[in-house]
Amino acid sequence: MIIWPLQISFPVNVATAHSIEGAMVQPYGHAKQFTLTEHGERIPKDRLTQDLTFSITAEDMSVNKRIDMEQYPEMIYGWCLSRLIHFVVALRLQFPNELILIAKYDFSDASRRVAHSASAAAQSIIVSEDVAYIALRLSFGAFGGAPNPPSWCCFSEMVTDLSNEISLCENWDPSTLHSPIQPVPPPSAYKEDESEPIGQARQLAVLIPTAS
């Protein structure tokens, strides 16, 4: 099946696209990926992708080539695993005999709620037959918008910092201020074999805050 960007794009006829100020049409590609069914089965799917790196009219004239990446913050969520390992080691140093619980939450789908600016949407149009699709959300992937990953990184960093520090706020009452989707944390799960001794950590070269 082909996944068309109808849910993340605004379809208009091609004639309408010509009247949009600053409109630019970008090529699109075809990616083969996997998806999960409602029963958890892994099946192949075909997905259309935008290519904002490809230059149509002249060399180095793509959307991404004309973006000043110095104007965007450093993208640091690629260091997540390294930061997580350091934090776990710091916790083990402070609490040598306590069990450490960890949870993973995927923010990726939330990116669908981050809208393009009007000028960025106008430059992220793809055309198929007589329909022009105006991208309304941040485009990712190997050839998506170059500034979108660091822009999304800012959001994910703020969410992560808030989730780590809100428990330190004395005025926060989780019974009244919580996510309606998950009002209480899920129950903790432990390894079945609790006879394995807790490993000890070595001193770190850097100071990692572990306020709780």
N, C-alpha and C. Protein backbone atom coordinates (compact mmCIF):
# COMPACT_ATOMS: atom_id res chain seq x y z
N MET A 1 0.84 -1.19 0.00
CA MET A 1 0.00 0.00 0.00
C MET A 1 0.88 1.25 0.00
N ILE A 2 0.40 2.31 -0.58
CA ILE A 2 1.12 3.58 -0.61
C ILE A 2 0.55 4.49 0.47
N ILE A 3 1.43 5.04 1.32
CA ILE A 3 1.01 5.97 2.35
C ILE A 3 1.14 7.39 1.80
N TRP A 4 0.04 7.98 1.38
CA TRP A 4 0.07 9.35 0.87
C TRP A 4 0.01 10.32 2.03
N PRO A 5 0.64 11.49 1.89
CA PRO A 5 0.72 12.44 3.01
C PRO A 5 -0.55 13.26 3.20
N LEU A 6 -1.72 12.63 3.06
CA LEU A 6 -2.97 13.38 3.17
C LEU A 6 -3.21 13.88 4.59
N GLN A 7 -2.82 13.08 5.59
CA GLN A 7 -3.09 13.47 6.95
C GLN A 7 -2.12 14.52 7.47
N ILE A 8 -1.00 14.71 6.79
CA ILE A 8 0.00 15.67 7.24
C ILE A 8 0.20 16.79 6.24
N SER A 9 -0.58 16.79 5.17
CA SER A 9 -0.46 17.80 4.13
C SER A 9 -1.84 18.34 3.77
N PHE A 10 -1.82 19.53 3.18
CA PHE A 10 -3.06 20.16 2.75
C PHE A 10 -3.14 20.06 1.23
N PRO A 11 -4.06 19.27 0.68
CA PRO A 11 -4.12 19.09 -0.78
C PRO A 11 -4.88 20.23 -1.46
N VAL A 12 -4.29 20.77 -2.50
CA VAL A 12 -4.94 21.79 -3.32
C VAL A 12 -4.67 21.43 -4.78
N ASN A 13 -5.41 22.04 -5.69
CA ASN A 13 -5.10 21.79 -7.10
C ASN A 13 -3.85 22.57 -7.50
N VAL A 14 -3.23 22.16 -8.57
CA VAL A 14 -1.96 22.75 -8.98
C VAL A 14 -2.11 24.24 -9.29
N ALA A 15 -3.23 24.63 -9.85
CA ALA A 15 -3.44 26.04 -10.18
C ALA A 15 -3.41 26.91 -8.92
N THR A 16 -3.95 26.39 -7.84
CA THR A 16 -3.93 27.13 -6.57
C THR A 16 -2.52 27.27 -6.04
N ALA A 17 -1.71 26.24 -6.21
CA ALA A 17 -0.33 26.29 -5.73
C ALA A 17 0.46 27.39 -6.42
N HIS A 18 0.15 27.67 -7.70
CA HIS A 18 0.86 28.72 -8.44
C HIS A 18 0.61 30.10 -7.82
N SER A 19 -0.49 30.28 -7.13
CA SER A 19 -0.83 31.59 -6.57
C SER A 19 -0.30 31.78 -5.16
N ILE A 20 0.36 30.76 -4.59
CA ILE A 20 0.90 30.87 -3.23
C ILE A 20 2.25 31.59 -3.28
N GLU A 21 2.38 32.64 -2.48
CA GLU A 21 3.62 33.41 -2.47
C GLU A 21 4.78 32.55 -1.97
N GLY A 22 5.88 32.51 -2.72
CA GLY A 22 7.06 31.76 -2.34
C GLY A 22 6.92 30.26 -2.51
N ALA A 23 5.92 29.82 -3.27
CA ALA A 23 5.69 28.37 -3.42
C ALA A 23 6.84 27.71 -4.18
N MET A 24 7.24 26.55 -3.71
CA MET A 24 8.28 25.76 -4.36
C MET A 24 7.87 24.30 -4.34
N VAL A 25 8.04 23.65 -5.47
CA VAL A 25 7.70 22.23 -5.58
C VAL A 25 8.96 21.41 -5.42
N GLN A 26 8.89 20.41 -4.56
CA GLN A 26 10.03 19.57 -4.28
C GLN A 26 9.80 18.15 -4.81
N PRO A 27 10.86 17.46 -5.21
CA PRO A 27 10.69 16.06 -5.64
C PRO A 27 10.38 15.18 -4.43
N TYR A 28 9.85 14.03 -4.69
CA TYR A 28 9.61 13.09 -3.61
C TYR A 28 10.13 11.72 -3.99
N GLY A 29 10.43 10.96 -2.96
CA GLY A 29 10.99 9.64 -3.17
C GLY A 29 10.04 8.56 -2.68
N HIS A 30 10.51 7.33 -2.83
CA HIS A 30 9.70 6.16 -2.48
C HIS A 30 10.55 5.29 -1.56
N ALA A 31 10.12 5.16 -0.30
CA ALA A 31 10.87 4.38 0.68
C ALA A 31 10.10 3.11 1.04
N LYS A 32 10.85 2.02 1.12
CA LYS A 32 10.26 0.75 1.57
C LYS A 32 10.55 0.58 3.06
N GLN A 33 9.50 0.47 3.86
CA GLN A 33 9.65 0.36 5.30
C GLN A 33 8.78 -0.78 5.82
N PHE A 34 8.81 -0.96 7.13
CA PHE A 34 7.95 -1.93 7.78
C PHE A 34 7.00 -1.20 8.73
N THR A 35 5.84 -1.76 8.94
CA THR A 35 4.89 -1.23 9.89
C THR A 35 4.27 -2.39 10.64
N LEU A 36 3.57 -2.08 11.74
CA LEU A 36 2.94 -3.10 12.55
C LEU A 36 1.42 -3.05 12.39
N THR A 37 0.82 -4.20 12.31
CA THR A 37 -0.63 -4.27 12.28
C THR A 37 -1.16 -4.14 13.71
N GLU A 38 -2.48 -4.07 13.84
CA GLU A 38 -3.07 -3.96 15.16
C GLU A 38 -2.81 -5.19 16.03
N HIS A 39 -2.41 -6.28 15.39
CA HIS A 39 -2.09 -7.50 16.12
C HIS A 39 -0.59 -7.66 16.36
N GLY A 40 0.20 -6.63 16.00
CA GLY A 40 1.63 -6.68 16.23
C GLY A 40 2.43 -7.38 15.16
N GLU A 41 1.80 -7.69 14.03
CA GLU A 41 2.51 -8.35 12.94
C GLU A 41 3.31 -7.32 12.14
N ARG A 42 4.51 -7.69 11.73
CA ARG A 42 5.39 -6.81 10.96
C ARG A 42 5.16 -7.04 9.47
N ILE A 43 4.70 -6.01 8.77
CA ILE A 43 4.43 -6.13 7.35
C ILE A 43 5.11 -4.99 6.59
N PRO A 44 5.48 -5.20 5.32
CA PRO A 44 6.12 -4.13 4.54
C PRO A 44 5.10 -3.08 4.11
N LYS A 45 5.58 -1.86 3.91
CA LYS A 45 4.74 -0.79 3.40
C LYS A 45 5.60 0.12 2.53
N ASP A 46 4.96 0.85 1.64
CA ASP A 46 5.63 1.84 0.80
C ASP A 46 5.24 3.22 1.29
N ARG A 47 6.22 4.12 1.37
CA ARG A 47 5.97 5.45 1.92
C ARG A 47 6.59 6.51 1.01
N LEU A 48 5.84 7.56 0.77
CA LEU A 48 6.37 8.69 0.01
C LEU A 48 7.17 9.59 0.94
N THR A 49 8.30 10.07 0.49
CA THR A 49 9.15 10.95 1.29
C THR A 49 9.51 12.20 0.49
N GLN A 50 9.59 13.32 1.18
CA GLN A 50 10.03 14.55 0.53
C GLN A 50 11.54 14.57 0.40
N ASP A 51 12.03 15.24 -0.63
CA ASP A 51 13.46 15.35 -0.86
C ASP A 51 13.81 16.83 -0.97
N LEU A 52 14.13 17.45 0.17
CA LEU A 52 14.47 18.86 0.19
C LEU A 52 15.96 19.10 -0.03
N THR A 53 16.69 18.03 -0.35
CA THR A 53 18.12 18.15 -0.65
C THR A 53 18.39 18.18 -2.14
N PHE A 54 17.46 17.70 -2.94
CA PHE A 54 17.64 17.63 -4.38
C PHE A 54 17.51 19.01 -5.02
N SER A 55 18.45 19.36 -5.88
CA SER A 55 18.43 20.65 -6.59
C SER A 55 17.84 20.44 -7.98
N ILE A 56 16.82 21.20 -8.30
CA ILE A 56 16.13 21.04 -9.58
C ILE A 56 16.66 22.02 -10.63
N THR A 57 16.69 23.31 -10.31
CA THR A 57 17.01 24.33 -11.31
C THR A 57 18.51 24.55 -11.50
N ALA A 58 19.29 24.43 -10.42
CA ALA A 58 20.73 24.67 -10.50
C ALA A 58 21.41 23.96 -9.35
N GLU A 59 22.72 23.80 -9.45
CA GLU A 59 23.47 23.11 -8.41
C GLU A 59 23.43 23.90 -7.10
N ASP A 60 23.30 23.19 -6.00
CA ASP A 60 23.28 23.79 -4.66
C ASP A 60 22.15 24.80 -4.50
N MET A 61 21.01 24.54 -5.11
CA MET A 61 19.86 25.44 -4.98
C MET A 61 18.69 24.77 -4.26
N SER A 62 18.95 23.65 -3.62
CA SER A 62 17.88 22.98 -2.89
C SER A 62 17.50 23.79 -1.66
N VAL A 63 16.35 23.48 -1.08
CA VAL A 63 15.90 24.16 0.13
C VAL A 63 16.94 24.02 1.24
N ASN A 64 17.46 22.80 1.43
CA ASN A 64 18.41 22.59 2.52
C ASN A 64 19.72 23.33 2.31
N LYS A 65 20.15 23.51 1.04
CA LYS A 65 21.39 24.23 0.77
C LYS A 65 21.25 25.72 1.06
N ARG A 66 20.03 26.22 1.06
CA ARG A 66 19.82 27.67 1.28
C ARG A 66 19.46 28.00 2.72
N ILE A 67 19.63 27.02 3.62
CA ILE A 67 19.33 27.23 5.03
C ILE A 67 20.62 27.47 5.80
N ASP A 68 20.64 28.52 6.61
CA ASP A 68 21.79 28.82 7.45
C ASP A 68 21.66 28.03 8.75
N MET A 69 22.32 26.88 8.81
CA MET A 69 22.19 26.02 9.97
C MET A 69 22.82 26.61 11.22
N GLU A 70 23.63 27.67 11.06
CA GLU A 70 24.21 28.33 12.23
C GLU A 70 23.14 29.03 13.05
N GLN A 71 21.98 29.28 12.44
CA GLN A 71 20.88 29.94 13.14
C GLN A 71 20.07 28.97 14.00
N TYR A 72 20.41 27.69 13.95
CA TYR A 72 19.64 26.68 14.69
C TYR A 72 20.49 26.11 15.82
N PRO A 73 19.86 25.66 16.88
CA PRO A 73 20.62 25.13 18.02
C PRO A 73 21.27 23.80 17.68
N GLU A 74 22.25 23.44 18.48
CA GLU A 74 22.93 22.16 18.31
C GLU A 74 21.97 21.02 18.59
N MET A 75 22.02 20.00 17.77
CA MET A 75 21.17 18.83 17.97
C MET A 75 21.90 17.85 18.88
N ILE A 76 21.35 17.63 20.08
CA ILE A 76 22.08 16.84 21.07
C ILE A 76 21.37 15.56 21.45
N TYR A 77 20.14 15.32 20.93
CA TYR A 77 19.49 14.09 21.39
C TYR A 77 20.13 12.84 20.81
N GLY A 78 21.06 13.01 19.88
CA GLY A 78 21.80 11.86 19.40
C GLY A 78 22.73 11.28 20.46
N TRP A 79 22.96 12.06 21.55
CA TRP A 79 23.81 11.60 22.64
C TRP A 79 22.98 10.98 23.76
N CYS A 80 21.74 10.64 23.49
CA CYS A 80 20.84 10.14 24.52
C CYS A 80 21.39 8.92 25.24
N LEU A 81 21.86 7.93 24.48
CA LEU A 81 22.33 6.69 25.10
C LEU A 81 23.52 6.94 26.01
N SER A 82 24.47 7.76 25.56
CA SER A 82 25.64 8.07 26.37
C SER A 82 25.24 8.79 27.65
N ARG A 83 24.32 9.74 27.54
CA ARG A 83 23.86 10.49 28.70
C ARG A 83 23.12 9.58 29.67
N LEU A 84 22.33 8.68 29.12
CA LEU A 84 21.57 7.76 29.96
C LEU A 84 22.49 6.83 30.75
N ILE A 85 23.52 6.32 30.09
CA ILE A 85 24.46 5.43 30.77
C ILE A 85 25.18 6.16 31.90
N HIS A 86 25.59 7.40 31.64
CA HIS A 86 26.26 8.19 32.68
C HIS A 86 25.32 8.40 33.88
N PHE A 87 24.04 8.66 33.59
CA PHE A 87 23.09 8.92 34.67
C PHE A 87 22.87 7.66 35.51
N VAL A 88 22.76 6.50 34.84
CA VAL A 88 22.57 5.24 35.56
C VAL A 88 23.78 4.96 36.46
N VAL A 89 24.99 5.20 35.94
CA VAL A 89 26.18 4.98 36.74
C VAL A 89 26.20 5.92 37.95
N ALA A 90 25.81 7.19 37.74
CA ALA A 90 25.76 8.15 38.85
C ALA A 90 24.75 7.72 39.90
N LEU A 91 23.59 7.21 39.47
CA LEU A 91 22.60 6.71 40.42
C LEU A 91 23.13 5.53 41.21
N ARG A 92 23.84 4.62 40.54
CA ARG A 92 24.39 3.46 41.23
C ARG A 92 25.42 3.87 42.27
N LEU A 93 26.23 4.92 41.97
CA LEU A 93 27.21 5.40 42.93
C LEU A 93 26.51 5.97 44.17
N GLN A 94 25.39 6.68 43.96
CA GLN A 94 24.69 7.29 45.09
C GLN A 94 23.83 6.28 45.85
N PHE A 95 23.29 5.31 45.12
CA PHE A 95 22.42 4.30 45.73
C PHE A 95 22.95 2.90 45.38
N PRO A 96 24.00 2.47 46.04
CA PRO A 96 24.69 1.23 45.64
C PRO A 96 23.86 -0.04 45.80
N ASN A 97 22.83 0.00 46.64
CA ASN A 97 22.08 -1.23 46.91
C ASN A 97 20.61 -1.15 46.52
N GLU A 98 20.23 -0.10 45.79
CA GLU A 98 18.84 0.07 45.40
C GLU A 98 18.64 -0.40 43.95
N LEU A 99 17.44 -0.93 43.68
CA LEU A 99 17.11 -1.28 42.31
C LEU A 99 16.83 -0.01 41.51
N ILE A 100 17.29 0.04 40.28
CA ILE A 100 17.09 1.20 39.39
C ILE A 100 16.06 0.83 38.34
N LEU A 101 14.97 1.56 38.31
CA LEU A 101 13.91 1.33 37.33
C LEU A 101 14.06 2.32 36.18
N ILE A 102 13.71 1.90 34.98
CA ILE A 102 13.84 2.76 33.81
C ILE A 102 12.61 2.58 32.92
N ALA A 103 12.18 3.66 32.30
CA ALA A 103 11.02 3.62 31.41
C ALA A 103 11.37 4.34 30.11
N LYS A 104 10.78 3.92 29.03
CA LYS A 104 11.03 4.54 27.72
C LYS A 104 9.72 5.08 27.16
N TYR A 105 9.72 6.33 26.75
CA TYR A 105 8.56 6.96 26.13
C TYR A 105 8.97 7.52 24.77
N ASP A 106 8.20 7.24 23.76
CA ASP A 106 8.52 7.63 22.39
C ASP A 106 7.82 8.95 22.07
N PHE A 107 8.61 9.99 21.80
CA PHE A 107 8.06 11.30 21.46
C PHE A 107 7.86 11.48 19.96
N SER A 108 8.23 10.50 19.16
CA SER A 108 8.29 10.71 17.72
C SER A 108 6.94 11.11 17.13
N ASP A 109 5.86 10.47 17.57
CA ASP A 109 4.56 10.80 17.01
C ASP A 109 4.12 12.21 17.36
N ALA A 110 4.66 12.76 18.45
CA ALA A 110 4.31 14.13 18.81
C ALA A 110 4.82 15.12 17.78
N SER A 111 5.81 14.73 16.97
CA SER A 111 6.33 15.64 15.95
C SER A 111 5.26 15.98 14.92
N ARG A 112 4.24 15.13 14.81
CA ARG A 112 3.17 15.41 13.85
C ARG A 112 2.32 16.61 14.28
N ARG A 113 2.48 17.03 15.53
CA ARG A 113 1.72 18.18 16.03
C ARG A 113 2.52 19.48 15.93
N VAL A 114 3.78 19.39 15.50
CA VAL A 114 4.60 20.59 15.34
C VAL A 114 4.43 21.09 13.91
N ALA A 115 3.84 22.26 13.77
CA ALA A 115 3.48 22.76 12.45
C ALA A 115 4.62 23.54 11.81
N HIS A 116 4.68 23.47 10.49
CA HIS A 116 5.57 24.33 9.71
C HIS A 116 5.12 25.78 9.83
N SER A 117 6.07 26.69 9.67
CA SER A 117 5.68 28.09 9.45
C SER A 117 5.07 28.17 8.05
N ALA A 118 4.34 29.24 7.78
CA ALA A 118 3.70 29.39 6.48
C ALA A 118 4.72 29.39 5.34
N SER A 119 5.85 30.07 5.55
CA SER A 119 6.86 30.14 4.49
C SER A 119 7.51 28.78 4.26
N ALA A 120 7.72 28.01 5.34
CA ALA A 120 8.32 26.68 5.20
C ALA A 120 7.34 25.73 4.51
N ALA A 121 6.06 25.83 4.85
CA ALA A 121 5.05 24.97 4.21
C ALA A 121 4.98 25.26 2.72
N ALA A 122 5.10 26.54 2.34
CA ALA A 122 5.03 26.91 0.93
C ALA A 122 6.21 26.36 0.14
N GLN A 123 7.34 26.11 0.81
CA GLN A 123 8.52 25.59 0.14
C GLN A 123 8.61 24.06 0.23
N SER A 124 7.59 23.44 0.79
CA SER A 124 7.60 21.98 0.98
C SER A 124 6.40 21.35 0.31
N ILE A 125 6.23 21.65 -0.97
CA ILE A 125 5.08 21.16 -1.73
C ILE A 125 5.54 20.04 -2.66
N ILE A 126 4.76 18.97 -2.70
CA ILE A 126 5.00 17.92 -3.70
C ILE A 126 3.75 17.81 -4.55
N VAL A 127 3.93 17.43 -5.79
CA VAL A 127 2.82 17.37 -6.75
C VAL A 127 2.70 15.96 -7.31
N SER A 128 1.49 15.47 -7.34
CA SER A 128 1.19 14.19 -7.96
C SER A 128 -0.05 14.37 -8.83
N GLU A 129 0.14 14.14 -10.11
CA GLU A 129 -0.92 14.35 -11.09
C GLU A 129 -1.40 15.80 -11.01
N ASP A 130 -2.65 16.06 -10.67
CA ASP A 130 -3.16 17.43 -10.63
C ASP A 130 -3.34 17.95 -9.21
N VAL A 131 -2.73 17.29 -8.25
CA VAL A 131 -2.90 17.68 -6.85
C VAL A 131 -1.55 18.09 -6.27
N ALA A 132 -1.54 19.25 -5.59
CA ALA A 132 -0.36 19.71 -4.88
C ALA A 132 -0.58 19.51 -3.39
N TYR A 133 0.39 18.88 -2.73
CA TYR A 133 0.29 18.61 -1.29
C TYR A 133 1.23 19.55 -0.54
N ILE A 134 0.65 20.43 0.28
CA ILE A 134 1.43 21.39 1.05
C ILE A 134 1.72 20.79 2.42
N ALA A 135 2.99 20.56 2.73
CA ALA A 135 3.37 19.93 3.99
C ALA A 135 3.05 20.86 5.16
N LEU A 136 2.28 20.36 6.10
CA LEU A 136 1.88 21.17 7.26
C LEU A 136 2.72 20.89 8.50
N ARG A 137 3.45 19.81 8.52
CA ARG A 137 4.25 19.49 9.70
C ARG A 137 5.71 19.33 9.30
N LEU A 138 6.56 19.24 10.30
CA LEU A 138 7.98 19.07 10.07
C LEU A 138 8.25 17.78 9.30
N SER A 139 9.08 17.88 8.29
CA SER A 139 9.44 16.70 7.50
C SER A 139 10.79 16.20 7.96
N PHE A 140 10.88 14.87 8.16
CA PHE A 140 12.12 14.26 8.63
C PHE A 140 12.64 13.30 7.57
N GLY A 141 13.48 12.39 7.98
CA GLY A 141 14.04 11.43 7.03
C GLY A 141 15.37 11.91 6.49
N ALA A 142 15.98 11.06 5.67
CA ALA A 142 17.31 11.35 5.15
C ALA A 142 17.35 12.62 4.31
N PHE A 143 16.24 12.95 3.63
CA PHE A 143 16.23 14.11 2.75
C PHE A 143 15.15 15.11 3.13
N GLY A 144 14.71 15.08 4.39
CA GLY A 144 13.72 16.04 4.85
C GLY A 144 14.34 17.39 5.12
N GLY A 145 13.58 18.27 5.77
CA GLY A 145 14.08 19.60 6.07
C GLY A 145 15.25 19.56 7.05
N ALA A 146 16.39 20.14 6.67
CA ALA A 146 17.59 20.08 7.51
C ALA A 146 17.40 20.71 8.89
N PRO A 147 16.64 21.82 9.05
CA PRO A 147 16.51 22.40 10.38
C PRO A 147 15.49 21.71 11.27
N ASN A 148 14.74 20.77 10.74
CA ASN A 148 13.67 20.17 11.54
C ASN A 148 14.17 19.29 12.68
N PRO A 149 15.20 18.44 12.49
CA PRO A 149 15.70 17.68 13.64
C PRO A 149 16.18 18.54 14.80
N PRO A 150 17.02 19.60 14.58
CA PRO A 150 17.41 20.41 15.74
C PRO A 150 16.23 21.18 16.33
N SER A 151 15.24 21.56 15.50
CA SER A 151 14.06 22.24 16.04
C SER A 151 13.28 21.29 16.94
N TRP A 152 13.14 20.04 16.50
CA TRP A 152 12.44 19.05 17.29
C TRP A 152 13.23 18.70 18.55
N CYS A 153 14.56 18.75 18.45
CA CYS A 153 15.41 18.45 19.60
C CYS A 153 15.12 19.43 20.73
N CYS A 154 14.92 20.71 20.41
CA CYS A 154 14.61 21.71 21.44
C CYS A 154 13.36 21.32 22.20
N PHE A 155 12.34 20.90 21.46
CA PHE A 155 11.08 20.51 22.10
C PHE A 155 11.28 19.28 22.98
N SER A 156 11.92 18.26 22.46
CA SER A 156 12.09 17.02 23.22
C SER A 156 12.95 17.24 24.45
N GLU A 157 13.95 18.14 24.35
CA GLU A 157 14.77 18.44 25.51
C GLU A 157 13.96 19.12 26.60
N MET A 158 13.07 20.05 26.22
CA MET A 158 12.23 20.72 27.20
C MET A 158 11.29 19.75 27.89
N VAL A 159 10.69 18.84 27.11
CA VAL A 159 9.79 17.85 27.69
C VAL A 159 10.54 16.94 28.65
N THR A 160 11.74 16.51 28.25
CA THR A 160 12.53 15.64 29.10
C THR A 160 12.93 16.34 30.39
N ASP A 161 13.40 17.59 30.28
CA ASP A 161 13.79 18.34 31.48
C ASP A 161 12.59 18.53 32.41
N LEU A 162 11.43 18.85 31.83
CA LEU A 162 10.24 19.05 32.66
C LEU A 162 9.85 17.76 33.38
N SER A 163 9.88 16.65 32.66
CA SER A 163 9.49 15.38 33.27
C SER A 163 10.46 14.97 34.38
N ASN A 164 11.74 15.36 34.26
CA ASN A 164 12.72 15.01 35.28
C ASN A 164 12.66 15.94 36.49
N GLU A 165 12.23 17.17 36.29
CA GLU A 165 12.33 18.17 37.35
C GLU A 165 10.99 18.54 37.99
N ILE A 166 9.87 18.19 37.35
CA ILE A 166 8.58 18.61 37.91
C ILE A 166 8.34 17.98 39.28
N SER A 167 8.91 16.82 39.51
CA SER A 167 8.73 16.17 40.81
C SER A 167 9.42 16.94 41.93
N LEU A 168 10.36 17.82 41.57
CA LEU A 168 11.06 18.63 42.57
C LEU A 168 10.28 19.90 42.92
N CYS A 169 9.21 20.17 42.17
CA CYS A 169 8.42 21.38 42.41
C CYS A 169 7.44 21.12 43.55
N GLU A 170 7.55 21.89 44.63
CA GLU A 170 6.70 21.67 45.80
C GLU A 170 5.24 22.00 45.52
N ASN A 171 4.98 22.85 44.53
CA ASN A 171 3.60 23.24 44.23
C ASN A 171 2.90 22.29 43.26
N TRP A 172 3.63 21.29 42.76
CA TRP A 172 3.02 20.36 41.81
C TRP A 172 2.22 19.29 42.53
N ASP A 173 0.96 19.18 42.19
CA ASP A 173 0.08 18.16 42.76
C ASP A 173 -0.30 17.19 41.64
N PRO A 174 0.32 16.02 41.57
CA PRO A 174 0.05 15.09 40.47
C PRO A 174 -1.38 14.60 40.42
N SER A 175 -2.13 14.74 41.52
CA SER A 175 -3.52 14.30 41.50
C SER A 175 -4.41 15.25 40.71
N THR A 176 -3.97 16.51 40.55
CA THR A 176 -4.76 17.49 39.81
C THR A 176 -4.12 17.89 38.48
N LEU A 177 -2.80 17.81 38.40
CA LEU A 177 -2.10 18.18 37.17
C LEU A 177 -1.35 16.97 36.65
N HIS A 178 -1.95 16.31 35.66
CA HIS A 178 -1.35 15.12 35.08
C HIS A 178 -1.89 14.93 33.67
N SER A 179 -1.25 14.06 32.94
CA SER A 179 -1.71 13.76 31.59
C SER A 179 -3.00 12.96 31.65
N PRO A 180 -4.04 13.38 30.93
CA PRO A 180 -5.28 12.58 30.93
C PRO A 180 -5.11 11.23 30.24
N ILE A 181 -4.06 11.11 29.42
CA ILE A 181 -3.83 9.85 28.72
C ILE A 181 -3.28 8.80 29.67
N GLN A 182 -2.40 9.23 30.58
CA GLN A 182 -1.82 8.30 31.55
C GLN A 182 -1.75 9.00 32.90
N PRO A 183 -2.85 9.00 33.66
CA PRO A 183 -2.90 9.75 34.92
C PRO A 183 -1.99 9.19 36.01
N VAL A 184 -1.66 7.90 35.93
CA VAL A 184 -0.77 7.29 36.94
C VAL A 184 0.32 6.52 36.22
N PRO A 185 1.49 6.41 36.82
CA PRO A 185 2.57 5.64 36.18
C PRO A 185 2.19 4.17 36.05
N PRO A 186 2.69 3.50 35.04
CA PRO A 186 2.43 2.06 34.91
C PRO A 186 3.11 1.30 36.04
N PRO A 187 2.60 0.13 36.38
CA PRO A 187 3.23 -0.65 37.47
C PRO A 187 4.66 -1.06 37.12
N SER A 188 5.50 -1.08 38.12
CA SER A 188 6.91 -1.44 37.91
C SER A 188 7.04 -2.93 37.62
N ALA A 189 7.98 -3.27 36.75
CA ALA A 189 8.25 -4.67 36.41
C ALA A 189 9.69 -4.98 36.80
N TYR A 190 9.87 -6.11 37.48
CA TYR A 190 11.19 -6.50 37.95
C TYR A 190 11.62 -7.81 37.29
N LYS A 191 12.91 -8.05 37.24
CA LYS A 191 13.43 -9.30 36.70
C LYS A 191 12.96 -10.46 37.58
N GLU A 192 12.66 -11.56 36.93
CA GLU A 192 12.20 -12.72 37.68
C GLU A 192 13.28 -13.27 38.59
N ASP A 193 14.54 -13.21 38.12
CA ASP A 193 15.65 -13.72 38.91
C ASP A 193 16.27 -12.57 39.70
N GLU A 194 15.93 -12.49 40.99
CA GLU A 194 16.45 -11.42 41.83
C GLU A 194 17.68 -11.85 42.62
N SER A 195 18.18 -13.06 42.32
CA SER A 195 19.35 -13.55 43.04
C SER A 195 20.66 -12.97 42.50
N GLU A 196 20.59 -12.40 41.30
CA GLU A 196 21.80 -11.82 40.70
C GLU A 196 22.22 -10.59 41.50
N PRO A 197 23.46 -10.53 41.93
CA PRO A 197 23.91 -9.39 42.75
C PRO A 197 23.92 -8.09 41.96
N ILE A 198 23.70 -6.99 42.66
CA ILE A 198 23.72 -5.67 42.03
C ILE A 198 25.16 -5.28 41.72
N GLY A 199 25.43 -4.92 40.48
CA GLY A 199 26.77 -4.50 40.10
C GLY A 199 27.13 -3.16 40.70
N GLN A 200 28.40 -2.96 40.93
CA GLN A 200 28.87 -1.71 41.50
C GLN A 200 29.49 -0.82 40.41
N ALA A 201 29.41 0.48 40.61
CA ALA A 201 29.87 1.44 39.61
C ALA A 201 31.21 2.04 40.02
N ARG A 202 31.99 2.46 39.03
CA ARG A 202 33.23 3.16 39.28
C ARG A 202 32.99 4.67 39.24
N GLN A 203 33.86 5.38 39.90
CA GLN A 203 33.72 6.83 39.98
C GLN A 203 33.80 7.46 38.59
N LEU A 204 32.91 8.42 38.34
CA LEU A 204 32.89 9.12 37.06
C LEU A 204 33.87 10.28 37.06
N ALA A 205 34.28 10.69 35.87
CA ALA A 205 35.17 11.83 35.72
C ALA A 205 34.41 13.15 35.74
N VAL A 206 33.07 13.08 35.60
CA VAL A 206 32.23 14.29 35.59
C VAL A 206 31.16 14.15 36.66
N LEU A 207 30.63 15.29 37.09
CA LEU A 207 29.57 15.30 38.12
C LEU A 207 28.22 15.25 37.44
N ILE A 208 27.42 14.23 37.77
CA ILE A 208 26.08 14.07 37.21
C ILE A 208 25.06 14.31 38.32
N PRO A 209 24.22 15.36 38.24
CA PRO A 209 23.21 15.60 39.28
C PRO A 209 22.21 14.45 39.34
N THR A 210 21.87 14.03 40.55
CA THR A 210 20.89 12.95 40.72
C THR A 210 19.84 13.34 41.75
N ALA A 211 19.44 14.61 41.73
CA ALA A 211 18.46 15.10 42.71
C ALA A 211 17.18 14.28 42.61
N SER A 212 16.55 14.01 43.74
CA SER A 212 15.32 13.22 43.76
C SER A 212 14.39 13.75 44.84
